[in-house]
Amino acid sequence: MLRGIKKLQILMSLAALSMIVGVSAIVAQDGQVRTLSLGQKYKIEGVVIAKTNDSFLVRDMTGISTKV
């Protein structure tokens, strides 16, 4: 019985740790925004994640967002 409780505590601790690491990775990605210079040519591949009237954000495969 005691072994089962100890295993459950270990599994719950690992689950909590993985959730904390996952959330911190998501939050860390939001801080990396690159802004392009006017008149400079760029080639960017990614997904549009946000847009406003005069700009939009593209996130590439590395997790860096670029404001266009």
PDB file of N, CA and C in Angstrom:
ATOM      1  N   MET A   1       0.822  -1.195   0.000  1.00  0.00           N
ATOM      2  CA  MET A   1       0.000   0.000   0.000  1.00  0.00           C
ATOM      3  C   MET A   1       0.866   1.261   0.000  1.00  0.00           C
ATOM      4  N   LEU A   2       1.914   1.245   0.822  1.00  0.00           N
ATOM      5  CA  LEU A   2       2.797   2.402   0.920  1.00  0.00           C
ATOM      6  C   LEU A   2       3.556   2.625  -0.384  1.00  0.00           C
ATOM      7  N   ARG A   3       3.934   1.542  -1.053  1.00  0.00           N
ATOM      8  CA  ARG A   3       4.642   1.667  -2.340  1.00  0.00           C
ATOM      9  C   ARG A   3       3.738   2.307  -3.389  1.00  0.00           C
ATOM     10  N   GLY A   4       2.470   1.941  -3.388  1.00  0.00           N
ATOM     11  CA  GLY A   4       1.523   2.516  -4.343  1.00  0.00           C
ATOM     12  C   GLY A   4       1.359   4.009  -4.147  1.00  0.00           C
ATOM     13  N   ILE A   5       1.301   4.443  -2.900  1.00  0.00           N
ATOM     14  CA  ILE A   5       1.175   5.873  -2.600  1.00  0.00           C
ATOM     15  C   ILE A   5       2.439   6.607  -3.013  1.00  0.00           C
ATOM     16  N   LYS A   6       3.593   6.010  -2.770  1.00  0.00           N
ATOM     17  CA  LYS A   6       4.877   6.634  -3.137  1.00  0.00           C
ATOM     18  C   LYS A   6       4.981   6.769  -4.663  1.00  0.00           C
ATOM     19  N   LYS A   7       4.570   5.740  -5.405  1.00  0.00           N
ATOM     20  CA  LYS A   7       4.598   5.807  -6.869  1.00  0.00           C
ATOM     21  C   LYS A   7       3.649   6.883  -7.375  1.00  0.00           C
ATOM     22  N   LEU A   8       2.482   6.989  -6.758  1.00  0.00           N
ATOM     23  CA  LEU A   8       1.517   8.008  -7.155  1.00  0.00           C
ATOM     24  C   LEU A   8       2.071   9.411  -6.901  1.00  0.00           C
ATOM     25  N   GLN A   9       2.770   9.605  -5.787  1.00  0.00           N
ATOM     26  CA  GLN A   9       3.376  10.902  -5.489  1.00  0.00           C
ATOM     27  C   GLN A   9       4.440  11.252  -6.522  1.00  0.00           C
ATOM     28  N   ILE A  10       5.226  10.269  -6.901  1.00  0.00           N
ATOM     29  CA  ILE A  10       6.276  10.506  -7.898  1.00  0.00           C
ATOM     30  C   ILE A  10       5.650  10.858  -9.244  1.00  0.00           C
ATOM     31  N   LEU A  11       4.620  10.136  -9.651  1.00  0.00           N
ATOM     32  CA  LEU A  11       3.959  10.412 -10.928  1.00  0.00           C
ATOM     33  C   LEU A  11       3.311  11.792 -10.927  1.00  0.00           C
ATOM     34  N   MET A  12       2.683  12.161  -9.820  1.00  0.00           N
ATOM     35  CA  MET A  12       2.053  13.475  -9.735  1.00  0.00           C
ATOM     36  C   MET A  12       3.110  14.582  -9.762  1.00  0.00           C
ATOM     37  N   SER A  13       4.237  14.360  -9.120  1.00  0.00           N
ATOM     38  CA  SER A  13       5.321  15.339  -9.136  1.00  0.00           C
ATOM     39  C   SER A  13       5.878  15.514 -10.542  1.00  0.00           C
ATOM     40  N   LEU A  14       6.062  14.411 -11.251  1.00  0.00           N
ATOM     41  CA  LEU A  14       6.556  14.493 -12.631  1.00  0.00           C
ATOM     42  C   LEU A  14       5.550  15.190 -13.543  1.00  0.00           C
ATOM     43  N   ALA A  15       4.271  14.919 -13.351  1.00  0.00           N
ATOM     44  CA  ALA A  15       3.244  15.575 -14.155  1.00  0.00           C
ATOM     45  C   ALA A  15       3.240  17.079 -13.897  1.00  0.00           C
ATOM     46  N   ALA A  16       3.334  17.481 -12.635  1.00  0.00           N
ATOM     47  CA  ALA A  16       3.353  18.904 -12.293  1.00  0.00           C
ATOM     48  C   ALA A  16       4.593  19.576 -12.866  1.00  0.00           C
ATOM     49  N   LEU A  17       5.730  18.921 -12.782  1.00  0.00           N
ATOM     50  CA  LEU A  17       6.971  19.480 -13.315  1.00  0.00           C
ATOM     51  C   LEU A  17       6.886  19.653 -14.827  1.00  0.00           C
ATOM     52  N   SER A  18       6.345  18.669 -15.523  1.00  0.00           N
ATOM     53  CA  SER A  18       6.234  18.778 -16.981  1.00  0.00           C
ATOM     54  C   SER A  18       5.281  19.898 -17.373  1.00  0.00           C
ATOM     55  N   MET A  19       4.226  20.118 -16.600  1.00  0.00           N
ATOM     56  CA  MET A  19       3.308  21.221 -16.892  1.00  0.00           C
ATOM     57  C   MET A  19       3.991  22.568 -16.681  1.00  0.00           C
ATOM     58  N   ILE A  20       4.782  22.685 -15.636  1.00  0.00           N
ATOM     59  CA  ILE A  20       5.493  23.937 -15.365  1.00  0.00           C
ATOM     60  C   ILE A  20       6.494  24.231 -16.474  1.00  0.00           C
ATOM     61  N   VAL A  21       7.219  23.220 -16.913  1.00  0.00           N
ATOM     62  CA  VAL A  21       8.196  23.398 -17.989  1.00  0.00           C
ATOM     63  C   VAL A  21       7.491  23.787 -19.283  1.00  0.00           C
ATOM     64  N   GLY A  22       6.366  23.151 -19.584  1.00  0.00           N
ATOM     65  CA  GLY A  22       5.618  23.472 -20.791  1.00  0.00           C
ATOM     66  C   GLY A  22       5.095  24.894 -20.796  1.00  0.00           C
ATOM     67  N   VAL A  23       4.544  25.333 -19.698  1.00  0.00           N
ATOM     68  CA  VAL A  23       4.020  26.698 -19.604  1.00  0.00           C
ATOM     69  C   VAL A  23       5.147  27.713 -19.714  1.00  0.00           C
ATOM     70  N   SER A  24       6.273  27.446 -19.071  1.00  0.00           N
ATOM     71  CA  SER A  24       7.389  28.395 -19.153  1.00  0.00           C
ATOM     72  C   SER A  24       7.942  28.478 -20.573  1.00  0.00           C
ATOM     73  N   ALA A  25       7.915  27.381 -21.309  1.00  0.00           N
ATOM     74  CA  ALA A  25       8.380  27.409 -22.704  1.00  0.00           C
ATOM     75  C   ALA A  25       7.450  28.253 -23.567  1.00  0.00           C
ATOM     76  N   ILE A  26       6.158  28.158 -23.318  1.00  0.00           N
ATOM     77  CA  ILE A  26       5.198  28.952 -24.087  1.00  0.00           C
ATOM     78  C   ILE A  26       5.361  30.435 -23.770  1.00  0.00           C
ATOM     79  N   VAL A  27       5.511  30.768 -22.513  1.00  0.00           N
ATOM     80  CA  VAL A  27       5.676  32.165 -22.105  1.00  0.00           C
ATOM     81  C   VAL A  27       6.979  32.724 -22.655  1.00  0.00           C
ATOM     82  N   ALA A  28       8.031  31.938 -22.672  1.00  0.00           N
ATOM     83  CA  ALA A  28       9.331  32.405 -23.159  1.00  0.00           C
ATOM     84  C   ALA A  28       9.284  32.712 -24.650  1.00  0.00           C
ATOM     85  N   GLN A  29       8.497  31.973 -25.411  1.00  0.00           N
ATOM     86  CA  GLN A  29       8.417  32.210 -26.845  1.00  0.00           C
ATOM     87  C   GLN A  29       7.769  33.538 -27.169  1.00  0.00           C
ATOM     88  N   ASP A  30       6.846  33.996 -26.339  1.00  0.00           N
ATOM     89  CA  ASP A  30       6.161  35.241 -26.617  1.00  0.00           C
ATOM     90  C   ASP A  30       7.083  36.447 -26.524  1.00  0.00           C
ATOM     91  N   GLY A  31       8.211  36.349 -25.854  1.00  0.00           N
ATOM     92  CA  GLY A  31       9.125  37.466 -25.695  1.00  0.00           C
ATOM     93  C   GLY A  31      10.029  37.683 -26.890  1.00  0.00           C
ATOM     94  N   GLN A  32      10.067  36.769 -27.826  1.00  0.00           N
ATOM     95  CA  GLN A  32      10.967  36.859 -28.961  1.00  0.00           C
ATOM     96  C   GLN A  32      10.216  37.370 -30.188  1.00  0.00           C
ATOM     97  N   VAL A  33      10.213  38.680 -30.375  1.00  0.00           N
ATOM     98  CA  VAL A  33       9.545  39.279 -31.527  1.00  0.00           C
ATOM     99  C   VAL A  33      10.567  40.089 -32.302  1.00  0.00           C
ATOM    100  N   ARG A  34      10.681  39.782 -33.562  1.00  0.00           N
ATOM    101  CA  ARG A  34      11.605  40.456 -34.472  1.00  0.00           C
ATOM    102  C   ARG A  34      10.799  41.464 -35.300  1.00  0.00           C
ATOM    103  N   THR A  35      11.315  42.660 -35.476  1.00  0.00           N
ATOM    104  CA  THR A  35      10.662  43.689 -36.292  1.00  0.00           C
ATOM    105  C   THR A  35      11.498  43.927 -37.542  1.00  0.00           C
ATOM    106  N   LEU A  36      10.838  43.976 -38.686  1.00  0.00           N
ATOM    107  CA  LEU A  36      11.539  44.145 -39.959  1.00  0.00           C
ATOM    108  C   LEU A  36      11.770  45.617 -40.267  1.00  0.00           C
ATOM    109  N   SER A  37      12.837  45.891 -41.013  1.00  0.00           N
ATOM    110  CA  SER A  37      13.150  47.254 -41.431  1.00  0.00           C
ATOM    111  C   SER A  37      12.361  47.598 -42.689  1.00  0.00           C
ATOM    112  N   LEU A  38      11.955  48.840 -42.778  1.00  0.00           N
ATOM    113  CA  LEU A  38      11.200  49.318 -43.927  1.00  0.00           C
ATOM    114  C   LEU A  38      12.075  49.280 -45.175  1.00  0.00           C
ATOM    115  N   GLY A  39      11.577  48.708 -46.260  1.00  0.00           N
ATOM    116  CA  GLY A  39      12.295  48.652 -47.520  1.00  0.00           C
ATOM    117  C   GLY A  39      13.225  47.451 -47.668  1.00  0.00           C
ATOM    118  N   GLN A  40      13.465  46.707 -46.624  1.00  0.00           N
ATOM    119  CA  GLN A  40      14.341  45.534 -46.669  1.00  0.00           C
ATOM    120  C   GLN A  40      13.532  44.315 -47.115  1.00  0.00           C
ATOM    121  N   LYS A  41      14.119  43.472 -47.974  1.00  0.00           N
ATOM    122  CA  LYS A  41      13.439  42.267 -48.441  1.00  0.00           C
ATOM    123  C   LYS A  41      13.747  41.097 -47.520  1.00  0.00           C
ATOM    124  N   TYR A  42      12.724  40.327 -47.180  1.00  0.00           N
ATOM    125  CA  TYR A  42      12.855  39.158 -46.317  1.00  0.00           C
ATOM    126  C   TYR A  42      12.040  38.020 -46.898  1.00  0.00           C
ATOM    127  N   LYS A  43      12.457  36.809 -46.591  1.00  0.00           N
ATOM    128  CA  LYS A  43      11.668  35.625 -46.914  1.00  0.00           C
ATOM    129  C   LYS A  43      11.417  34.891 -45.598  1.00  0.00           C
ATOM    130  N   ILE A  44      10.146  34.822 -45.197  1.00  0.00           N
ATOM    131  CA  ILE A  44       9.774  34.213 -43.922  1.00  0.00           C
ATOM    132  C   ILE A  44       8.737  33.133 -44.185  1.00  0.00           C
ATOM    133  N   GLU A  45       8.928  31.977 -43.580  1.00  0.00           N
ATOM    134  CA  GLU A  45       7.934  30.909 -43.651  1.00  0.00           C
ATOM    135  C   GLU A  45       7.427  30.653 -42.251  1.00  0.00           C
ATOM    136  N   GLY A  46       6.103  30.655 -42.082  1.00  0.00           N
ATOM    137  CA  GLY A  46       5.527  30.424 -40.774  1.00  0.00           C
ATOM    138  C   GLY A  46       4.027  30.557 -40.806  1.00  0.00           C
ATOM    139  N   VAL A  47       3.455  30.748 -39.651  1.00  0.00           N
ATOM    140  CA  VAL A  47       2.011  30.838 -39.489  1.00  0.00           C
ATOM    141  C   VAL A  47       1.669  32.222 -38.954  1.00  0.00           C
ATOM    142  N   VAL A  48       0.654  32.853 -39.542  1.00  0.00           N
ATOM    143  CA  VAL A  48       0.185  34.142 -39.042  1.00  0.00           C
ATOM    144  C   VAL A  48      -0.552  33.885 -37.738  1.00  0.00           C
ATOM    145  N   ILE A  49      -0.076  34.509 -36.649  1.00  0.00           N
ATOM    146  CA  ILE A  49      -0.682  34.261 -35.341  1.00  0.00           C
ATOM    147  C   ILE A  49      -1.509  35.436 -34.843  1.00  0.00           C
ATOM    148  N   ALA A  50      -1.308  36.621 -35.426  1.00  0.00           N
ATOM    149  CA  ALA A  50      -2.091  37.802 -35.030  1.00  0.00           C
ATOM    150  C   ALA A  50      -2.006  38.825 -36.148  1.00  0.00           C
ATOM    151  N   LYS A  51      -3.056  39.631 -36.251  1.00  0.00           N
ATOM    152  CA  LYS A  51      -3.002  40.716 -37.234  1.00  0.00           C
ATOM    153  C   LYS A  51      -3.805  41.905 -36.739  1.00  0.00           C
ATOM    154  N   THR A  52      -3.339  43.089 -37.151  1.00  0.00           N
ATOM    155  CA  THR A  52      -4.015  44.342 -36.856  1.00  0.00           C
ATOM    156  C   THR A  52      -4.297  45.024 -38.185  1.00  0.00           C
ATOM    157  N   ASN A  53      -4.736  46.280 -38.140  1.00  0.00           N
ATOM    158  CA  ASN A  53      -5.043  46.996 -39.377  1.00  0.00           C
ATOM    159  C   ASN A  53      -3.818  47.221 -40.260  1.00  0.00           C
ATOM    160  N   ASP A  54      -2.641  47.435 -39.645  1.00  0.00           N
ATOM    161  CA  ASP A  54      -1.456  47.778 -40.433  1.00  0.00           C
ATOM    162  C   ASP A  54      -0.281  46.811 -40.284  1.00  0.00           C
ATOM    163  N   SER A  55      -0.432  45.715 -39.538  1.00  0.00           N
ATOM    164  CA  SER A  55       0.670  44.756 -39.388  1.00  0.00           C
ATOM    165  C   SER A  55       0.130  43.377 -39.007  1.00  0.00           C
ATOM    166  N   PHE A  56       1.017  42.405 -39.052  1.00  0.00           N
ATOM    167  CA  PHE A  56       0.669  41.069 -38.584  1.00  0.00           C
ATOM    168  C   PHE A  56       1.908  40.376 -38.048  1.00  0.00           C
ATOM    169  N   LEU A  57       1.703  39.332 -37.238  1.00  0.00           N
ATOM    170  CA  LEU A  57       2.787  38.552 -36.657  1.00  0.00           C
ATOM    171  C   LEU A  57       2.848  37.186 -37.319  1.00  0.00           C
ATOM    172  N   VAL A  58       4.056  36.785 -37.716  1.00  0.00           N
ATOM    173  CA  VAL A  58       4.290  35.463 -38.295  1.00  0.00           C
ATOM    174  C   VAL A  58       5.217  34.713 -37.355  1.00  0.00           C
ATOM    175  N   ARG A  59       4.846  33.495 -36.949  1.00  0.00           N
ATOM    176  CA  ARG A  59       5.709  32.672 -36.088  1.00  0.00           C
ATOM    177  C   ARG A  59       6.308  31.559 -36.936  1.00  0.00           C
ATOM    178  N   ASP A  60       7.660  31.470 -36.922  1.00  0.00           N
ATOM    179  CA  ASP A  60       8.339  30.438 -37.709  1.00  0.00           C
ATOM    180  C   ASP A  60       8.472  29.143 -36.906  1.00  0.00           C
ATOM    181  N   MET A  61       9.122  28.149 -37.490  1.00  0.00           N
ATOM    182  CA  MET A  61       9.235  26.825 -36.880  1.00  0.00           C
ATOM    183  C   MET A  61      10.088  26.848 -35.608  1.00  0.00           C
ATOM    184  N   THR A  62      10.948  27.843 -35.450  1.00  0.00           N
ATOM    185  CA  THR A  62      11.787  27.931 -34.252  1.00  0.00           C
ATOM    186  C   THR A  62      11.081  28.621 -33.091  1.00  0.00           C
ATOM    187  N   GLY A  63       9.889  29.193 -33.347  1.00  0.00           N
ATOM    188  CA  GLY A  63       9.126  29.850 -32.300  1.00  0.00           C
ATOM    189  C   GLY A  63       9.342  31.339 -32.220  1.00  0.00           C
ATOM    190  N   ILE A  64      10.130  31.904 -33.129  1.00  0.00           N
ATOM    191  CA  ILE A  64      10.371  33.347 -33.137  1.00  0.00           C
ATOM    192  C   ILE A  64       9.283  34.018 -33.974  1.00  0.00           C
ATOM    193  N   SER A  65       8.678  35.055 -33.410  1.00  0.00           N
ATOM    194  CA  SER A  65       7.640  35.796 -34.116  1.00  0.00           C
ATOM    195  C   SER A  65       8.279  36.991 -34.816  1.00  0.00           C
ATOM    196  N   THR A  66       7.747  37.325 -35.993  1.00  0.00           N
ATOM    197  CA  THR A  66       8.227  38.462 -36.763  1.00  0.00           C
ATOM    198  C   THR A  66       7.063  39.383 -37.050  1.00  0.00           C
ATOM    199  N   LYS A  67       7.217  40.662 -36.680  1.00  0.00           N
ATOM    200  CA  LYS A  67       6.173  41.650 -36.948  1.00  0.00           C
ATOM    201  C   LYS A  67       6.390  42.228 -38.341  1.00  0.00           C
ATOM    202  N   VAL A  68       5.394  42.098 -39.178  1.00  0.00           N
ATOM    203  CA  VAL A  68       5.469  42.568 -40.571  1.00  0.00           C
ATOM    204  C   VAL A  68       4.467  43.686 -40.759  1.00  0.00           C
TER     205      VAL A  68
END
